[in-house]
Amino acid sequence: MKFAWKGVFPALTTKFTADDKLDLAGFEKNLHAQLEAGVEGIILGGTLGEASTLTAEEKNTLVRFAVEKVAGRVPVILNIAEGSTNEALKVAKNAQELGASGLMLLPPMRYKSDHRETVTYFKTVAKSTELPIMIYNNPVDYKIEVTLDMFAELVENENITAVKESTRDVSNVTRMINRFGSRFQILCGVDTLALESMLLGADGWVAGLVCAFPKETVAIYRLAKAGKTEEALKIYRWFLPLLELDIHPKLVQYIKLAESVVGLGTEYVRAPRLTLIGEERERVLKVINDGVAQREKLGKF
């Protein structure tokens, strides 16, 4: 499936049952809400998808299920977050065989690879597959920065076509464009910098709070790209306290709590994560409930 890395790409949460099995019915409900809102793709097995706790078979199940339910309407992207090159190659091969449309690729996990090792890892995976690849650049959480000089070496791999820009330095959008023009499509990966990134020229948004608020997320993107900045800002200013839930170490628990409040998921997470309790849960719940109470009425966009 040919596609452009443009628009809103939800980093979907993985839904679990009370007995820690995949909740495919819950996943399907949220998936339909995303499609109805107008997202341009979906991403499975990312940070929000609790990738590190999923088995290989569970990832395969999610890809099969998503490909079937999406039925070609939008691309299905699988994240690769592995500790070895061989395991990453297996995931890439399985994803292509199962009908995924593209890959999101993190640097090696658990080992802080240097420049040469990181570039070699990316190139090796890219050469093994026909799928388009989006490099996930998140040095804050994953401790390896994919530098501009690294991207300069990756230009020769034609299927490395995009970057999920999560350095939290919004000026990096301009640096990428200045150096590479339109060679790499740029998607903001930090909810609290999304509008700023799009106004600087980012092509899309790998979003987190979209899992609970798909219509508002798509509205901000479309308004920003249509040049209706003031209208986008109005929604964005309302949304910001909620978007800040995306930049906390417990973003999975926080966003799943938001999903449960709006009826698009449950709070179930997989150990070692634990569901929120006590003062922390009440504090986050207040942010969510306040946001829902003040929710903007969306016009046409």
C-alpha atoms as a PDB file:
ATOM      1  CA  MET A   1       0.000   0.000   0.000  1.00  0.00           C
ATOM      2  CA  LYS A   2       1.527   3.308  -1.084  1.00  0.00           C
ATOM      3  CA  PHE A   3       0.911   6.214   1.275  1.00  0.00           C
ATOM      4  CA  ALA A   4       2.304   9.542   2.455  1.00  0.00           C
ATOM      5  CA  TRP A   5       3.490  10.118   5.997  1.00  0.00           C
ATOM      6  CA  LYS A   6       1.034  12.987   6.396  1.00  0.00           C
ATOM      7  CA  GLY A   7      -1.820  13.624   8.790  1.00  0.00           C
ATOM      8  CA  VAL A   8      -2.581  12.213  12.211  1.00  0.00           C
ATOM      9  CA  PHE A   9      -1.139   8.780  13.012  1.00  0.00           C
ATOM     10  CA  PRO A  10      -2.406   7.574  16.418  1.00  0.00           C
ATOM     11  CA  ALA A  11       0.083   5.640  18.518  1.00  0.00           C
ATOM     12  CA  LEU A  12      -2.620   3.269  19.679  1.00  0.00           C
ATOM     13  CA  THR A  13      -2.706   1.783  23.155  1.00  0.00           C
ATOM     14  CA  THR A  14      -2.868  -1.989  23.433  1.00  0.00           C
ATOM     15  CA  LYS A  15      -6.105  -3.000  25.095  1.00  0.00           C
ATOM     16  CA  PHE A  16      -6.033  -5.732  27.758  1.00  0.00           C
ATOM     17  CA  THR A  17      -8.736  -7.659  29.597  1.00  0.00           C
ATOM     18  CA  ALA A  18      -8.917  -7.978  33.377  1.00  0.00           C
ATOM     19  CA  ASP A  19      -7.051 -11.303  33.105  1.00  0.00           C
ATOM     20  CA  ASP A  20      -4.230  -9.776  31.022  1.00  0.00           C
ATOM     21  CA  LYS A  21      -5.218 -11.046  27.579  1.00  0.00           C
ATOM     22  CA  LEU A  22      -5.477  -8.929  24.430  1.00  0.00           C
ATOM     23  CA  ASP A  23      -8.843  -7.148  24.370  1.00  0.00           C
ATOM     24  CA  LEU A  24      -9.507  -7.166  20.639  1.00  0.00           C
ATOM     25  CA  ALA A  25     -13.102  -5.998  21.025  1.00  0.00           C
ATOM     26  CA  GLY A  26     -11.931  -2.945  22.974  1.00  0.00           C
ATOM     27  CA  PHE A  27      -9.183  -2.337  20.437  1.00  0.00           C
ATOM     28  CA  GLU A  28     -11.686  -2.478  17.578  1.00  0.00           C
ATOM     29  CA  LYS A  29     -13.981   0.055  19.248  1.00  0.00           C
ATOM     30  CA  ASN A  30     -11.165   2.560  19.597  1.00  0.00           C
ATOM     31  CA  LEU A  31      -9.914   1.814  16.096  1.00  0.00           C
ATOM     32  CA  HIS A  32     -13.295   2.652  14.581  1.00  0.00           C
ATOM     33  CA  ALA A  33     -13.398   5.932  16.532  1.00  0.00           C
ATOM     34  CA  GLN A  34     -10.013   6.870  15.043  1.00  0.00           C
ATOM     35  CA  LEU A  35     -11.075   6.020  11.508  1.00  0.00           C
ATOM     36  CA  GLU A  36     -14.340   7.925  11.852  1.00  0.00           C
ATOM     37  CA  ALA A  37     -12.410  10.993  13.027  1.00  0.00           C
ATOM     38  CA  GLY A  38     -10.290  10.929   9.881  1.00  0.00           C
ATOM     39  CA  VAL A  39      -6.836   9.746  10.960  1.00  0.00           C
ATOM     40  CA  GLU A  40      -4.413   9.000   8.129  1.00  0.00           C
ATOM     41  CA  GLY A  41      -2.781   5.886   9.604  1.00  0.00           C
ATOM     42  CA  ILE A  42      -2.373   3.858  12.794  1.00  0.00           C
ATOM     43  CA  ILE A  43       0.720   2.754  14.687  1.00  0.00           C
ATOM     44  CA  LEU A  44       0.863  -0.456  16.707  1.00  0.00           C
ATOM     45  CA  GLY A  45       3.327  -1.522  19.381  1.00  0.00           C
ATOM     46  CA  GLY A  46       4.835   1.844  20.186  1.00  0.00           C
ATOM     47  CA  THR A  47       5.573   3.248  23.625  1.00  0.00           C
ATOM     48  CA  LEU A  48       1.854   3.736  24.222  1.00  0.00           C
ATOM     49  CA  GLY A  49       1.252   0.245  22.897  1.00  0.00           C
ATOM     50  CA  GLU A  50       3.380  -1.190  25.736  1.00  0.00           C
ATOM     51  CA  ALA A  51       5.695  -2.779  23.177  1.00  0.00           C
ATOM     52  CA  SER A  52       8.186  -4.080  25.724  1.00  0.00           C
ATOM     53  CA  THR A  53       5.532  -6.255  27.381  1.00  0.00           C
ATOM     54  CA  LEU A  54       4.044  -7.784  24.224  1.00  0.00           C
ATOM     55  CA  THR A  55       5.039 -11.191  22.950  1.00  0.00           C
ATOM     56  CA  ALA A  56       5.924 -11.683  19.304  1.00  0.00           C
ATOM     57  CA  GLU A  57       2.694 -13.602  18.766  1.00  0.00           C
ATOM     58  CA  GLU A  58       0.632 -10.827  20.373  1.00  0.00           C
ATOM     59  CA  LYS A  59       2.206  -8.297  18.013  1.00  0.00           C
ATOM     60  CA  ASN A  60       1.384 -10.559  15.091  1.00  0.00           C
ATOM     61  CA  THR A  61      -2.197 -10.891  16.323  1.00  0.00           C
ATOM     62  CA  LEU A  62      -2.572  -7.111  16.553  1.00  0.00           C
ATOM     63  CA  VAL A  63      -1.211  -6.589  13.045  1.00  0.00           C
ATOM     64  CA  ARG A  64      -3.460  -9.285  11.541  1.00  0.00           C
ATOM     65  CA  PHE A  65      -6.510  -7.920  13.322  1.00  0.00           C
ATOM     66  CA  ALA A  66      -5.812  -4.290  12.462  1.00  0.00           C
ATOM     67  CA  VAL A  67      -5.107  -5.046   8.799  1.00  0.00           C
ATOM     68  CA  GLU A  68      -8.389  -6.951   8.573  1.00  0.00           C
ATOM     69  CA  LYS A  69     -10.481  -4.272  10.275  1.00  0.00           C
ATOM     70  CA  VAL A  70      -8.864  -1.310   8.526  1.00  0.00           C
ATOM     71  CA  ALA A  71      -9.397  -3.033   5.172  1.00  0.00           C
ATOM     72  CA  GLY A  72      -7.071  -0.763   3.253  1.00  0.00           C
ATOM     73  CA  ARG A  73      -8.559   2.541   4.399  1.00  0.00           C
ATOM     74  CA  VAL A  74      -5.350   3.707   6.079  1.00  0.00           C
ATOM     75  CA  PRO A  75      -1.845   2.263   6.476  1.00  0.00           C
ATOM     76  CA  VAL A  76      -1.111   0.011   9.451  1.00  0.00           C
ATOM     77  CA  ILE A  77       2.349   0.722  10.872  1.00  0.00           C
ATOM     78  CA  LEU A  78       4.208  -1.580  13.269  1.00  0.00           C
ATOM     79  CA  ASN A  79       6.850  -0.237  15.632  1.00  0.00           C
ATOM     80  CA  ILE A  80      10.159  -2.100  15.961  1.00  0.00           C
ATOM     81  CA  ALA A  81      11.739  -1.803  19.410  1.00  0.00           C
ATOM     82  CA  GLU A  82      14.220  -4.655  19.754  1.00  0.00           C
ATOM     83  CA  GLY A  83      17.484  -5.267  21.528  1.00  0.00           C
ATOM     84  CA  SER A  84      19.207  -7.080  18.669  1.00  0.00           C
ATOM     85  CA  THR A  85      19.446  -6.612  14.928  1.00  0.00           C
ATOM     86  CA  ASN A  86      18.376 -10.214  14.302  1.00  0.00           C
ATOM     87  CA  GLU A  87      15.155  -9.741  16.284  1.00  0.00           C
ATOM     88  CA  ALA A  88      14.445  -6.476  14.482  1.00  0.00           C
ATOM     89  CA  LEU A  89      14.837  -8.267  11.142  1.00  0.00           C
ATOM     90  CA  LYS A  90      12.341 -10.931  12.243  1.00  0.00           C
ATOM     91  CA  VAL A  91       9.783  -8.289  13.230  1.00  0.00           C
ATOM     92  CA  ALA A  92      10.211  -6.464   9.922  1.00  0.00           C
ATOM     93  CA  LYS A  93       9.789  -9.713   7.957  1.00  0.00           C
ATOM     94  CA  ASN A  94       6.674 -10.725   9.909  1.00  0.00           C
ATOM     95  CA  ALA A  95       5.133  -7.269   9.541  1.00  0.00           C
ATOM     96  CA  GLN A  96       5.487  -7.338   5.774  1.00  0.00           C
ATOM     97  CA  GLU A  97       4.102 -10.880   5.514  1.00  0.00           C
ATOM     98  CA  LEU A  98       1.112  -9.974   7.695  1.00  0.00           C
ATOM     99  CA  GLY A  99       0.145  -7.019   5.525  1.00  0.00           C
ATOM    100  CA  ALA A 100       1.526  -4.041   7.428  1.00  0.00           C
ATOM    101  CA  SER A 101       2.052  -0.963   5.275  1.00  0.00           C
ATOM    102  CA  GLY A 102       5.120   0.455   7.006  1.00  0.00           C
ATOM    103  CA  LEU A 103       7.438   0.375   9.993  1.00  0.00           C
ATOM    104  CA  MET A 104       8.396   2.769  12.757  1.00  0.00           C
ATOM    105  CA  LEU A 105      11.960   2.008  13.836  1.00  0.00           C
ATOM    106  CA  LEU A 106      13.647   2.843  17.115  1.00  0.00           C
ATOM    107  CA  PRO A 107      17.404   2.581  17.659  1.00  0.00           C
ATOM    108  CA  PRO A 108      18.560  -0.602  19.407  1.00  0.00           C
ATOM    109  CA  MET A 109      17.042  -1.085  22.847  1.00  0.00           C
ATOM    110  CA  ARG A 110      19.033  -1.587  26.076  1.00  0.00           C
ATOM    111  CA  TYR A 111      22.403  -0.851  24.444  1.00  0.00           C
ATOM    112  CA  LYS A 112      23.453   2.723  23.754  1.00  0.00           C
ATOM    113  CA  SER A 113      24.837   2.318  20.254  1.00  0.00           C
ATOM    114  CA  ASP A 114      27.258   4.886  18.840  1.00  0.00           C
ATOM    115  CA  HIS A 115      26.936   6.723  15.508  1.00  0.00           C
ATOM    116  CA  ARG A 116      28.295   3.897  13.337  1.00  0.00           C
ATOM    117  CA  GLU A 117      26.333   1.194  15.136  1.00  0.00           C
ATOM    118  CA  THR A 118      23.066   3.130  15.020  1.00  0.00           C
ATOM    119  CA  VAL A 119      23.357   3.892  11.303  1.00  0.00           C
ATOM    120  CA  THR A 120      24.355   0.297  10.519  1.00  0.00           C
ATOM    121  CA  TYR A 121      21.359  -0.996  12.476  1.00  0.00           C
ATOM    122  CA  PHE A 122      18.917   1.243  10.604  1.00  0.00           C
ATOM    123  CA  LYS A 123      20.456   0.413   7.217  1.00  0.00           C
ATOM    124  CA  THR A 124      20.418  -3.326   7.889  1.00  0.00           C
ATOM    125  CA  VAL A 125      16.725  -3.309   8.753  1.00  0.00           C
ATOM    126  CA  ALA A 126      15.884  -1.031   5.829  1.00  0.00           C
ATOM    127  CA  LYS A 127      17.686  -3.283   3.331  1.00  0.00           C
ATOM    128  CA  SER A 128      15.759  -6.317   4.581  1.00  0.00           C
ATOM    129  CA  THR A 129      12.296  -5.013   3.717  1.00  0.00           C
ATOM    130  CA  GLU A 130      10.337  -3.245   1.016  1.00  0.00           C
ATOM    131  CA  LEU A 131       8.229  -1.413   3.593  1.00  0.00           C
ATOM    132  CA  PRO A 132       8.664   2.342   4.083  1.00  0.00           C
ATOM    133  CA  ILE A 133      10.297   3.222   7.388  1.00  0.00           C
ATOM    134  CA  MET A 134       9.861   6.117   9.804  1.00  0.00           C
ATOM    135  CA  ILE A 135      12.826   6.582  12.144  1.00  0.00           C
ATOM    136  CA  TYR A 136      11.724   7.265  15.715  1.00  0.00           C
ATOM    137  CA  ASN A 137      14.058   9.932  17.111  1.00  0.00           C
ATOM    138  CA  ASN A 138      13.460  10.131  20.865  1.00  0.00           C
ATOM    139  CA  PRO A 139      16.725  10.683  22.768  1.00  0.00           C
ATOM    140  CA  VAL A 140      14.879  11.867  25.888  1.00  0.00           C
ATOM    141  CA  ASP A 141      13.307   8.482  26.559  1.00  0.00           C
ATOM    142  CA  TYR A 142      15.567   6.118  24.610  1.00  0.00           C
ATOM    143  CA  LYS A 143      18.958   7.818  25.136  1.00  0.00           C
ATOM    144  CA  ILE A 144      20.148   7.727  21.510  1.00  0.00           C
ATOM    145  CA  GLU A 145      19.801  10.801  19.305  1.00  0.00           C
ATOM    146  CA  VAL A 146      19.520  10.286  15.583  1.00  0.00           C
ATOM    147  CA  THR A 147      21.577  13.275  14.467  1.00  0.00           C
ATOM    148  CA  LEU A 148      21.434  15.192  11.215  1.00  0.00           C
ATOM    149  CA  ASP A 149      24.731  13.575  10.207  1.00  0.00           C
ATOM    150  CA  MET A 150      23.163  10.146  10.740  1.00  0.00           C
ATOM    151  CA  PHE A 151      20.225  11.102   8.545  1.00  0.00           C
ATOM    152  CA  ALA A 152      22.696  12.248   5.891  1.00  0.00           C
ATOM    153  CA  GLU A 153      24.017   8.667   5.747  1.00  0.00           C
ATOM    154  CA  LEU A 154      20.491   7.226   5.683  1.00  0.00           C
ATOM    155  CA  VAL A 155      19.508   9.216   2.587  1.00  0.00           C
ATOM    156  CA  GLU A 156      20.805   6.395   0.382  1.00  0.00           C
ATOM    157  CA  ASN A 157      18.182   4.013   1.819  1.00  0.00           C
ATOM    158  CA  GLU A 158      15.195   4.981  -0.291  1.00  0.00           C
ATOM    159  CA  ASN A 159      12.636   3.309   1.966  1.00  0.00           C
ATOM    160  CA  ILE A 160      13.702   5.356   4.998  1.00  0.00           C
ATOM    161  CA  THR A 161      11.244   8.108   4.230  1.00  0.00           C
ATOM    162  CA  ALA A 162      10.167   9.784   7.477  1.00  0.00           C
ATOM    163  CA  VAL A 163      11.096  10.716  11.024  1.00  0.00           C
ATOM    164  CA  LYS A 164       9.033  10.805  14.167  1.00  0.00           C
ATOM    165  CA  GLU A 165      10.550  13.957  15.648  1.00  0.00           C
ATOM    166  CA  SER A 166      10.540  13.560  19.451  1.00  0.00           C
ATOM    167  CA  THR A 167      13.740  15.337  20.456  1.00  0.00           C
ATOM    168  CA  ARG A 168      11.554  17.967  22.197  1.00  0.00           C
ATOM    169  CA  ASP A 169      13.544  20.650  20.378  1.00  0.00           C
ATOM    170  CA  VAL A 170      10.964  22.090  17.998  1.00  0.00           C
ATOM    171  CA  SER A 171      13.661  23.881  16.021  1.00  0.00           C
ATOM    172  CA  ASN A 172      14.844  20.465  14.847  1.00  0.00           C
ATOM    173  CA  VAL A 173      11.942  20.553  12.366  1.00  0.00           C
ATOM    174  CA  THR A 174      13.574  23.544  10.689  1.00  0.00           C
ATOM    175  CA  ARG A 175      17.036  21.961  10.841  1.00  0.00           C
ATOM    176  CA  MET A 176      15.763  18.857   9.042  1.00  0.00           C
ATOM    177  CA  ILE A 177      14.041  20.914   6.355  1.00  0.00           C
ATOM    178  CA  ASN A 178      17.033  23.215   5.908  1.00  0.00           C
ATOM    179  CA  ARG A 179      19.375  20.278   5.377  1.00  0.00           C
ATOM    180  CA  PHE A 180      17.214  17.737   3.574  1.00  0.00           C
ATOM    181  CA  GLY A 181      14.317  19.679   2.073  1.00  0.00           C
ATOM    182  CA  SER A 182      11.427  17.280   1.533  1.00  0.00           C
ATOM    183  CA  ARG A 183      13.573  14.103   1.479  1.00  0.00           C
ATOM    184  CA  PHE A 184      12.236  13.012   4.890  1.00  0.00           C
ATOM    185  CA  GLN A 185       8.669  13.639   5.913  1.00  0.00           C
ATOM    186  CA  ILE A 186       8.505  14.922   9.474  1.00  0.00           C
ATOM    187  CA  LEU A 187       5.887  13.904  12.011  1.00  0.00           C
ATOM    188  CA  CYS A 188       5.794  15.480  15.436  1.00  0.00           C
ATOM    189  CA  GLY A 189       5.945  12.841  18.178  1.00  0.00           C
ATOM    190  CA  VAL A 190       5.391  15.084  21.200  1.00  0.00           C
ATOM    191  CA  ASP A 191       1.785  16.131  21.773  1.00  0.00           C
ATOM    192  CA  THR A 192       2.672  19.406  23.487  1.00  0.00           C
ATOM    193  CA  LEU A 193       4.715  20.565  20.476  1.00  0.00           C
ATOM    194  CA  ALA A 194       2.375  19.405  17.727  1.00  0.00           C
ATOM    195  CA  LEU A 195       0.841  22.678  16.589  1.00  0.00           C
ATOM    196  CA  GLU A 196       4.176  24.472  16.799  1.00  0.00           C
ATOM    197  CA  SER A 197       5.809  21.735  14.719  1.00  0.00           C
ATOM    198  CA  MET A 198       3.127  21.853  12.046  1.00  0.00           C
ATOM    199  CA  LEU A 199       3.388  25.617  11.759  1.00  0.00           C
ATOM    200  CA  LEU A 200       7.117  25.130  11.159  1.00  0.00           C
ATOM    201  CA  GLY A 201       6.430  22.672   8.372  1.00  0.00           C
ATOM    202  CA  ALA A 202       5.985  19.228   9.929  1.00  0.00           C
ATOM    203  CA  ASP A 203       3.918  16.929   7.730  1.00  0.00           C
ATOM    204  CA  GLY A 204       2.048  15.051  10.423  1.00  0.00           C
ATOM    205  CA  TRP A 205       1.502  14.144  14.041  1.00  0.00           C
ATOM    206  CA  VAL A 206       2.140  10.817  15.761  1.00  0.00           C
ATOM    207  CA  ALA A 207      -0.334  11.523  18.522  1.00  0.00           C
ATOM    208  CA  GLY A 208      -1.006  10.123  21.991  1.00  0.00           C
ATOM    209  CA  LEU A 209      -4.089  11.833  23.420  1.00  0.00           C
ATOM    210  CA  VAL A 210      -5.779  11.122  20.106  1.00  0.00           C
ATOM    211  CA  CYS A 211      -6.509   7.720  21.662  1.00  0.00           C
ATOM    212  CA  ALA A 212      -9.129   9.463  23.822  1.00  0.00           C
ATOM    213  CA  PHE A 213      -9.808  12.595  21.744  1.00  0.00           C
ATOM    214  CA  PRO A 214      -9.551  11.671  18.059  1.00  0.00           C
ATOM    215  CA  LYS A 215     -11.825  14.367  16.623  1.00  0.00           C
ATOM    216  CA  GLU A 216     -10.063  17.227  18.388  1.00  0.00           C
ATOM    217  CA  THR A 217      -6.635  15.952  17.319  1.00  0.00           C
ATOM    218  CA  VAL A 218      -7.634  15.682  13.672  1.00  0.00           C
ATOM    219  CA  ALA A 219      -9.314  19.101  13.839  1.00  0.00           C
ATOM    220  CA  ILE A 220      -6.117  20.785  15.042  1.00  0.00           C
ATOM    221  CA  TYR A 221      -4.088  19.154  12.280  1.00  0.00           C
ATOM    222  CA  ARG A 222      -6.520  20.023   9.500  1.00  0.00           C
ATOM    223  CA  LEU A 223      -7.062  23.589  10.659  1.00  0.00           C
ATOM    224  CA  ALA A 224      -3.317  24.179  10.979  1.00  0.00           C
ATOM    225  CA  LYS A 225      -2.655  22.822   7.489  1.00  0.00           C
ATOM    226  CA  ALA A 226      -5.510  24.922   6.082  1.00  0.00           C
ATOM    227  CA  GLY A 227      -3.897  28.064   7.494  1.00  0.00           C
ATOM    228  CA  LYS A 228      -6.690  28.558  10.037  1.00  0.00           C
ATOM    229  CA  THR A 229      -4.254  29.121  12.874  1.00  0.00           C
ATOM    230  CA  GLU A 230      -6.563  30.994  15.223  1.00  0.00           C
ATOM    231  CA  GLU A 231      -9.190  28.260  15.011  1.00  0.00           C
ATOM    232  CA  ALA A 232      -6.536  25.613  15.622  1.00  0.00           C
ATOM    233  CA  LEU A 233      -5.158  27.594  18.556  1.00  0.00           C
ATOM    234  CA  LYS A 234      -8.544  27.764  20.240  1.00  0.00           C
ATOM    235  CA  ILE A 235      -8.793  23.977  20.345  1.00  0.00           C
ATOM    236  CA  TYR A 236      -5.093  23.552  21.150  1.00  0.00           C
ATOM    237  CA  ARG A 237      -5.250  25.863  24.159  1.00  0.00           C
ATOM    238  CA  TRP A 238      -8.162  23.868  25.558  1.00  0.00           C
ATOM    239  CA  PHE A 239      -6.309  20.639  24.775  1.00  0.00           C
ATOM    240  CA  LEU A 240      -2.908  21.501  26.266  1.00  0.00           C
ATOM    241  CA  PRO A 241      -3.507  20.353  29.898  1.00  0.00           C
ATOM    242  CA  LEU A 242      -4.598  17.006  28.477  1.00  0.00           C
ATOM    243  CA  LEU A 243      -1.713  16.854  25.997  1.00  0.00           C
ATOM    244  CA  GLU A 244       0.711  17.250  28.885  1.00  0.00           C
ATOM    245  CA  LEU A 245      -0.303  13.762  30.040  1.00  0.00           C
ATOM    246  CA  ASP A 246       1.688  12.503  27.029  1.00  0.00           C
ATOM    247  CA  ILE A 247       5.058  13.715  28.339  1.00  0.00           C
ATOM    248  CA  HIS A 248       5.057  11.887  31.685  1.00  0.00           C
ATOM    249  CA  PRO A 249       6.763   8.521  32.366  1.00  0.00           C
ATOM    250  CA  LYS A 250       3.304   7.134  33.149  1.00  0.00           C
ATOM    251  CA  LEU A 251       1.801   8.338  29.887  1.00  0.00           C
ATOM    252  CA  VAL A 252       0.362   4.864  29.258  1.00  0.00           C
ATOM    253  CA  GLN A 253      -1.609   4.835  32.513  1.00  0.00           C
ATOM    254  CA  TYR A 254      -2.628   8.486  32.109  1.00  0.00           C
ATOM    255  CA  ILE A 255      -3.879   8.102  28.547  1.00  0.00           C
ATOM    256  CA  LYS A 256      -5.631   4.826  29.295  1.00  0.00           C
ATOM    257  CA  LEU A 257      -7.428   6.562  32.166  1.00  0.00           C
ATOM    258  CA  ALA A 258      -8.534   9.238  29.677  1.00  0.00           C
ATOM    259  CA  GLU A 259      -9.732   6.535  27.280  1.00  0.00           C
ATOM    260  CA  SER A 260     -11.809   4.979  30.064  1.00  0.00           C
ATOM    261  CA  VAL A 261     -13.411   8.313  30.965  1.00  0.00           C
ATOM    262  CA  VAL A 262     -14.583   8.961  27.392  1.00  0.00           C
ATOM    263  CA  GLY A 263     -15.651   5.364  26.762  1.00  0.00           C
ATOM    264  CA  LEU A 264     -12.882   4.375  24.349  1.00  0.00           C
ATOM    265  CA  GLY A 265     -10.933   1.966  26.533  1.00  0.00           C
ATOM    266  CA  THR A 266     -10.157   0.686  30.015  1.00  0.00           C
ATOM    267  CA  GLU A 267      -7.445   1.329  32.583  1.00  0.00           C
ATOM    268  CA  TYR A 268      -5.927  -2.152  32.328  1.00  0.00           C
ATOM    269  CA  VAL A 269      -2.160  -2.118  31.802  1.00  0.00           C
ATOM    270  CA  ARG A 270       0.387  -4.924  31.796  1.00  0.00           C
ATOM    271  CA  ALA A 271       2.874  -5.429  34.637  1.00  0.00           C
ATOM    272  CA  PRO A 272       5.272  -4.074  35.614  1.00  0.00           C
ATOM    273  CA  ARG A 273       2.991  -1.110  34.986  1.00  0.00           C
ATOM    274  CA  LEU A 274       0.194  -0.817  37.519  1.00  0.00           C
ATOM    275  CA  THR A 275      -3.066   1.068  37.261  1.00  0.00           C
ATOM    276  CA  LEU A 276      -3.188   4.405  39.046  1.00  0.00           C
ATOM    277  CA  ILE A 277      -4.375   4.671  42.638  1.00  0.00           C
ATOM    278  CA  GLY A 278      -4.857   7.261  45.365  1.00  0.00           C
ATOM    279  CA  GLU A 279      -3.861  10.897  45.051  1.00  0.00           C
ATOM    280  CA  GLU A 280      -2.099  10.423  41.722  1.00  0.00           C
ATOM    281  CA  ARG A 281      -5.182   8.919  40.095  1.00  0.00           C
ATOM    282  CA  GLU A 282      -7.428  11.658  41.501  1.00  0.00           C
ATOM    283  CA  ARG A 283      -5.059  14.373  40.280  1.00  0.00           C
ATOM    284  CA  VAL A 284      -4.915  12.989  36.732  1.00  0.00           C
ATOM    285  CA  LEU A 285      -8.635  12.275  36.743  1.00  0.00           C
ATOM    286  CA  LYS A 286      -9.324  15.915  37.583  1.00  0.00           C
ATOM    287  CA  VAL A 287      -7.301  17.070  34.574  1.00  0.00           C
ATOM    288  CA  ILE A 288      -9.259  14.708  32.348  1.00  0.00           C
ATOM    289  CA  ASN A 289     -12.676  15.540  33.801  1.00  0.00           C
ATOM    290  CA  ASP A 290     -11.973  19.270  33.620  1.00  0.00           C
ATOM    291  CA  GLY A 291     -11.024  18.881  29.979  1.00  0.00           C
ATOM    292  CA  VAL A 292     -14.147  16.880  29.168  1.00  0.00           C
ATOM    293  CA  ALA A 293     -16.344  19.434  30.958  1.00  0.00           C
ATOM    294  CA  GLN A 294     -14.840  22.292  28.938  1.00  0.00           C
ATOM    295  CA  ARG A 295     -14.644  20.360  25.675  1.00  0.00           C
ATOM    296  CA  GLU A 296     -14.869  22.523  22.587  1.00  0.00           C
ATOM    297  CA  LYS A 297     -17.740  22.075  20.177  1.00  0.00           C
ATOM    298  CA  LEU A 298     -16.179  21.363  16.825  1.00  0.00           C
ATOM    299  CA  GLY A 299     -17.464  22.943  13.670  1.00  0.00           C
ATOM    300  CA  LYS A 300     -16.634  21.827  10.166  1.00  0.00           C
ATOM    301  CA  PHE A 301     -12.957  21.653   9.356  1.00  0.00           C
END
